[in-house]
Amino acid sequence: MKQLSRYKALKVIHDTQGRIFSASFIKKDGTTRHMVARIGVTKNQKGGTNGASAKNNLVTVYDMLKGGYRMINLKTLLTLKASGETYEVV
């Protein structure tokens, strides 16, 4: 398993260009979540503002298993699997 910084993890997520990836992270309530997700999905969008920004380290993704939009906090990201590579985020 390769090690990856949080900044480079964001780059790996954006480099997927809509392909499916998986991530494990710690949720706000302290539990660990494993998610299979994609970025760039426009299905079922509604109006409003996106709460994610580079300032608060959130990435908006589409959760493939739950069928809805979720946010991944890069500060609590544990592992990332994309393009056949598995990374440990440090």
N, C-alpha and C. Protein backbone atom coordinates (compact mmCIF):
# COMPACT_ATOMS: atom_id res chain seq x y z
N MET A 1 0.84 -1.17 0.00
CA MET A 1 0.00 0.00 0.00
C MET A 1 0.89 1.24 0.00
N LYS A 2 0.66 2.11 -0.94
CA LYS A 2 1.44 3.34 -1.03
C LYS A 2 0.90 4.39 -0.08
N GLN A 3 1.79 5.28 0.36
CA GLN A 3 1.37 6.38 1.21
C GLN A 3 1.18 7.63 0.35
N LEU A 4 0.24 8.47 0.79
CA LEU A 4 -0.16 9.62 0.00
C LEU A 4 -0.51 10.76 0.94
N SER A 5 -0.14 11.98 0.58
CA SER A 5 -0.52 13.14 1.40
C SER A 5 -1.96 13.52 1.08
N ARG A 6 -2.57 14.31 1.94
CA ARG A 6 -3.96 14.72 1.74
C ARG A 6 -4.10 15.59 0.49
N TYR A 7 -3.14 16.43 0.21
CA TYR A 7 -3.18 17.27 -0.98
C TYR A 7 -3.14 16.41 -2.25
N LYS A 8 -2.29 15.40 -2.25
CA LYS A 8 -2.20 14.52 -3.42
C LYS A 8 -3.41 13.60 -3.52
N ALA A 9 -4.05 13.30 -2.40
CA ALA A 9 -5.28 12.50 -2.43
C ALA A 9 -6.37 13.25 -3.19
N LEU A 10 -6.46 14.54 -2.98
CA LEU A 10 -7.43 15.35 -3.73
C LEU A 10 -7.13 15.30 -5.22
N LYS A 11 -5.87 15.35 -5.59
CA LYS A 11 -5.48 15.26 -6.99
C LYS A 11 -5.84 13.89 -7.58
N VAL A 12 -5.63 12.83 -6.82
CA VAL A 12 -5.97 11.48 -7.29
C VAL A 12 -7.48 11.38 -7.51
N ILE A 13 -8.28 11.95 -6.60
CA ILE A 13 -9.73 11.92 -6.75
C ILE A 13 -10.15 12.67 -8.01
N HIS A 14 -9.58 13.85 -8.24
CA HIS A 14 -9.94 14.62 -9.43
C HIS A 14 -9.43 13.97 -10.71
N ASP A 15 -8.33 13.24 -10.63
CA ASP A 15 -7.78 12.56 -11.81
C ASP A 15 -8.60 11.35 -12.23
N THR A 16 -9.53 10.90 -11.38
CA THR A 16 -10.38 9.78 -11.78
C THR A 16 -11.33 10.19 -12.91
N GLN A 17 -11.62 11.47 -13.04
CA GLN A 17 -12.45 12.02 -14.12
C GLN A 17 -13.77 11.27 -14.26
N GLY A 18 -14.43 10.99 -13.14
CA GLY A 18 -15.73 10.35 -13.18
C GLY A 18 -15.71 8.84 -13.06
N ARG A 19 -14.53 8.23 -13.06
CA ARG A 19 -14.46 6.78 -12.85
C ARG A 19 -14.71 6.48 -11.38
N ILE A 20 -15.14 5.26 -11.11
CA ILE A 20 -15.48 4.85 -9.75
C ILE A 20 -14.20 4.66 -8.92
N PHE A 21 -14.25 5.12 -7.66
CA PHE A 21 -13.16 4.92 -6.71
C PHE A 21 -13.78 4.61 -5.36
N SER A 22 -12.97 4.14 -4.42
CA SER A 22 -13.47 3.89 -3.07
C SER A 22 -12.60 4.65 -2.06
N ALA A 23 -13.24 4.99 -0.95
CA ALA A 23 -12.55 5.73 0.09
C ALA A 23 -13.07 5.30 1.45
N SER A 24 -12.19 5.33 2.44
CA SER A 24 -12.57 5.11 3.83
C SER A 24 -12.17 6.36 4.61
N PHE A 25 -13.09 6.83 5.43
CA PHE A 25 -12.82 8.03 6.21
C PHE A 25 -13.63 8.01 7.49
N ILE A 26 -13.30 8.91 8.39
CA ILE A 26 -14.00 9.01 9.66
C ILE A 26 -15.08 10.08 9.51
N LYS A 27 -16.32 9.70 9.81
CA LYS A 27 -17.43 10.63 9.71
C LYS A 27 -17.42 11.60 10.88
N LYS A 28 -18.27 12.60 10.79
CA LYS A 28 -18.35 13.63 11.82
C LYS A 28 -18.71 13.05 13.19
N ASP A 29 -19.50 11.97 13.22
CA ASP A 29 -19.90 11.38 14.50
C ASP A 29 -18.87 10.40 15.05
N GLY A 30 -17.73 10.23 14.35
CA GLY A 30 -16.64 9.39 14.84
C GLY A 30 -16.61 7.98 14.29
N THR A 31 -17.62 7.59 13.53
CA THR A 31 -17.63 6.25 12.95
C THR A 31 -16.89 6.25 11.62
N THR A 32 -16.45 5.08 11.22
CA THR A 32 -15.72 4.95 9.96
C THR A 32 -16.68 4.56 8.85
N ARG A 33 -16.55 5.20 7.70
CA ARG A 33 -17.40 4.88 6.56
C ARG A 33 -16.53 4.45 5.39
N HIS A 34 -16.96 3.39 4.72
CA HIS A 34 -16.34 2.95 3.47
C HIS A 34 -17.32 3.31 2.36
N MET A 35 -16.86 4.02 1.35
CA MET A 35 -17.73 4.53 0.31
C MET A 35 -17.19 4.19 -1.07
N VAL A 36 -18.08 3.77 -1.96
CA VAL A 36 -17.77 3.60 -3.37
C VAL A 36 -18.42 4.80 -4.06
N ALA A 37 -17.62 5.60 -4.75
CA ALA A 37 -18.13 6.89 -5.21
C ALA A 37 -17.58 7.29 -6.58
N ARG A 38 -18.17 8.35 -7.10
CA ARG A 38 -17.71 8.99 -8.35
C ARG A 38 -17.82 10.51 -8.17
N ILE A 39 -17.06 11.24 -8.94
CA ILE A 39 -17.24 12.68 -9.01
C ILE A 39 -17.81 13.01 -10.39
N GLY A 40 -18.36 14.18 -10.53
CA GLY A 40 -18.85 14.63 -11.82
C GLY A 40 -20.23 14.13 -12.20
N VAL A 41 -20.96 13.53 -11.27
CA VAL A 41 -22.31 13.04 -11.55
C VAL A 41 -23.28 14.21 -11.46
N THR A 42 -24.18 14.34 -12.44
CA THR A 42 -25.13 15.44 -12.44
C THR A 42 -26.57 14.96 -12.28
N LYS A 43 -26.78 13.69 -12.05
CA LYS A 43 -28.12 13.12 -11.86
C LYS A 43 -28.73 13.61 -10.54
N ASN A 44 -30.01 13.90 -10.57
CA ASN A 44 -30.78 14.28 -9.38
C ASN A 44 -30.27 15.52 -8.65
N GLN A 45 -29.68 16.45 -9.36
CA GLN A 45 -29.23 17.67 -8.71
C GLN A 45 -30.40 18.60 -8.49
N LYS A 46 -30.34 19.33 -7.38
CA LYS A 46 -31.35 20.34 -7.09
C LYS A 46 -30.63 21.66 -6.91
N GLY A 47 -31.36 22.74 -6.95
CA GLY A 47 -30.76 24.07 -6.79
C GLY A 47 -30.19 24.26 -5.40
N GLY A 48 -29.42 25.28 -5.25
CA GLY A 48 -28.82 25.58 -3.95
C GLY A 48 -27.32 25.71 -4.08
N THR A 49 -26.68 25.94 -2.96
CA THR A 49 -25.24 26.12 -2.97
C THR A 49 -24.56 24.86 -2.46
N ASN A 50 -23.37 24.64 -2.93
CA ASN A 50 -22.58 23.49 -2.51
C ASN A 50 -21.76 23.91 -1.29
N GLY A 51 -21.85 23.15 -0.22
CA GLY A 51 -21.14 23.48 1.01
C GLY A 51 -19.66 23.12 0.98
N ALA A 52 -19.23 22.42 -0.07
CA ALA A 52 -17.83 22.00 -0.16
C ALA A 52 -16.97 23.12 -0.72
N SER A 53 -15.81 23.25 -0.18
CA SER A 53 -14.83 24.20 -0.71
C SER A 53 -13.44 23.74 -0.30
N ALA A 54 -12.44 24.27 -0.96
CA ALA A 54 -11.06 23.92 -0.62
C ALA A 54 -10.71 24.40 0.79
N LYS A 55 -11.40 25.43 1.23
CA LYS A 55 -11.11 25.99 2.55
C LYS A 55 -11.44 25.01 3.67
N ASN A 56 -12.55 24.27 3.55
CA ASN A 56 -12.92 23.35 4.61
C ASN A 56 -12.64 21.89 4.27
N ASN A 57 -11.85 21.63 3.23
CA ASN A 57 -11.36 20.29 2.88
C ASN A 57 -12.45 19.27 2.59
N LEU A 58 -13.55 19.69 1.99
CA LEU A 58 -14.64 18.78 1.64
C LEU A 58 -14.69 18.58 0.13
N VAL A 59 -14.96 17.34 -0.27
CA VAL A 59 -15.11 17.00 -1.69
C VAL A 59 -16.49 16.38 -1.85
N THR A 60 -17.30 16.93 -2.74
CA THR A 60 -18.62 16.38 -3.00
C THR A 60 -18.51 15.23 -4.00
N VAL A 61 -19.07 14.08 -3.64
CA VAL A 61 -19.03 12.89 -4.49
C VAL A 61 -20.43 12.29 -4.55
N TYR A 62 -20.65 11.41 -5.51
CA TYR A 62 -21.91 10.67 -5.61
C TYR A 62 -21.66 9.27 -5.07
N ASP A 63 -22.35 8.91 -4.01
CA ASP A 63 -22.22 7.59 -3.38
C ASP A 63 -22.98 6.58 -4.23
N MET A 64 -22.27 5.63 -4.82
CA MET A 64 -22.86 4.67 -5.73
C MET A 64 -23.79 3.68 -5.02
N LEU A 65 -23.51 3.36 -3.77
CA LEU A 65 -24.33 2.38 -3.05
C LEU A 65 -25.58 3.01 -2.45
N LYS A 66 -25.48 4.23 -1.95
CA LYS A 66 -26.62 4.90 -1.34
C LYS A 66 -27.46 5.67 -2.37
N GLY A 67 -26.87 5.95 -3.54
CA GLY A 67 -27.60 6.66 -4.59
C GLY A 67 -27.85 8.11 -4.28
N GLY A 68 -26.90 8.77 -3.64
CA GLY A 68 -27.05 10.18 -3.31
C GLY A 68 -25.71 10.86 -3.17
N TYR A 69 -25.77 12.16 -3.03
CA TYR A 69 -24.54 12.95 -2.90
C TYR A 69 -24.08 12.95 -1.45
N ARG A 70 -22.78 12.82 -1.27
CA ARG A 70 -22.15 12.85 0.05
C ARG A 70 -20.89 13.70 -0.05
N MET A 71 -20.33 14.04 1.11
CA MET A 71 -19.08 14.78 1.14
C MET A 71 -18.02 13.98 1.86
N ILE A 72 -16.81 14.02 1.34
CA ILE A 72 -15.67 13.37 1.96
C ILE A 72 -14.79 14.47 2.55
N ASN A 73 -14.49 14.35 3.83
CA ASN A 73 -13.60 15.30 4.50
C ASN A 73 -12.17 14.80 4.32
N LEU A 74 -11.34 15.56 3.63
CA LEU A 74 -9.97 15.15 3.37
C LEU A 74 -9.13 15.08 4.65
N LYS A 75 -9.51 15.81 5.68
CA LYS A 75 -8.77 15.79 6.94
C LYS A 75 -8.88 14.44 7.65
N THR A 76 -9.99 13.73 7.41
CA THR A 76 -10.20 12.45 8.09
C THR A 76 -10.11 11.25 7.14
N LEU A 77 -9.64 11.47 5.93
CA LEU A 77 -9.51 10.40 4.94
C LEU A 77 -8.44 9.40 5.39
N LEU A 78 -8.78 8.11 5.38
CA LEU A 78 -7.86 7.06 5.82
C LEU A 78 -7.23 6.32 4.65
N THR A 79 -8.07 5.78 3.75
CA THR A 79 -7.57 5.05 2.59
C THR A 79 -8.32 5.49 1.35
N LEU A 80 -7.66 5.28 0.21
CA LEU A 80 -8.22 5.64 -1.08
C LEU A 80 -7.79 4.59 -2.08
N LYS A 81 -8.74 4.10 -2.88
CA LYS A 81 -8.41 3.15 -3.93
C LYS A 81 -8.95 3.70 -5.24
N ALA A 82 -8.03 3.97 -6.18
CA ALA A 82 -8.41 4.54 -7.47
C ALA A 82 -7.44 4.07 -8.53
N SER A 83 -7.97 3.79 -9.69
CA SER A 83 -7.16 3.39 -10.85
C SER A 83 -6.29 2.17 -10.54
N GLY A 84 -6.80 1.24 -9.77
CA GLY A 84 -6.07 0.02 -9.46
C GLY A 84 -5.00 0.15 -8.40
N GLU A 85 -4.84 1.32 -7.82
CA GLU A 85 -3.85 1.54 -6.77
C GLU A 85 -4.56 1.77 -5.44
N THR A 86 -3.97 1.27 -4.36
CA THR A 86 -4.50 1.50 -3.01
C THR A 86 -3.52 2.38 -2.27
N TYR A 87 -4.06 3.43 -1.65
CA TYR A 87 -3.23 4.42 -0.95
C TYR A 87 -3.66 4.53 0.49
N GLU A 88 -2.67 4.73 1.37
CA GLU A 88 -2.92 5.08 2.75
C GLU A 88 -2.64 6.56 2.86
N VAL A 89 -3.62 7.33 3.33
CA VAL A 89 -3.48 8.79 3.40
C VAL A 89 -2.87 9.16 4.74
N VAL A 90 -1.76 9.89 4.67
CA VAL A 90 -1.07 10.30 5.91
C VAL A 90 -1.02 11.80 6.01
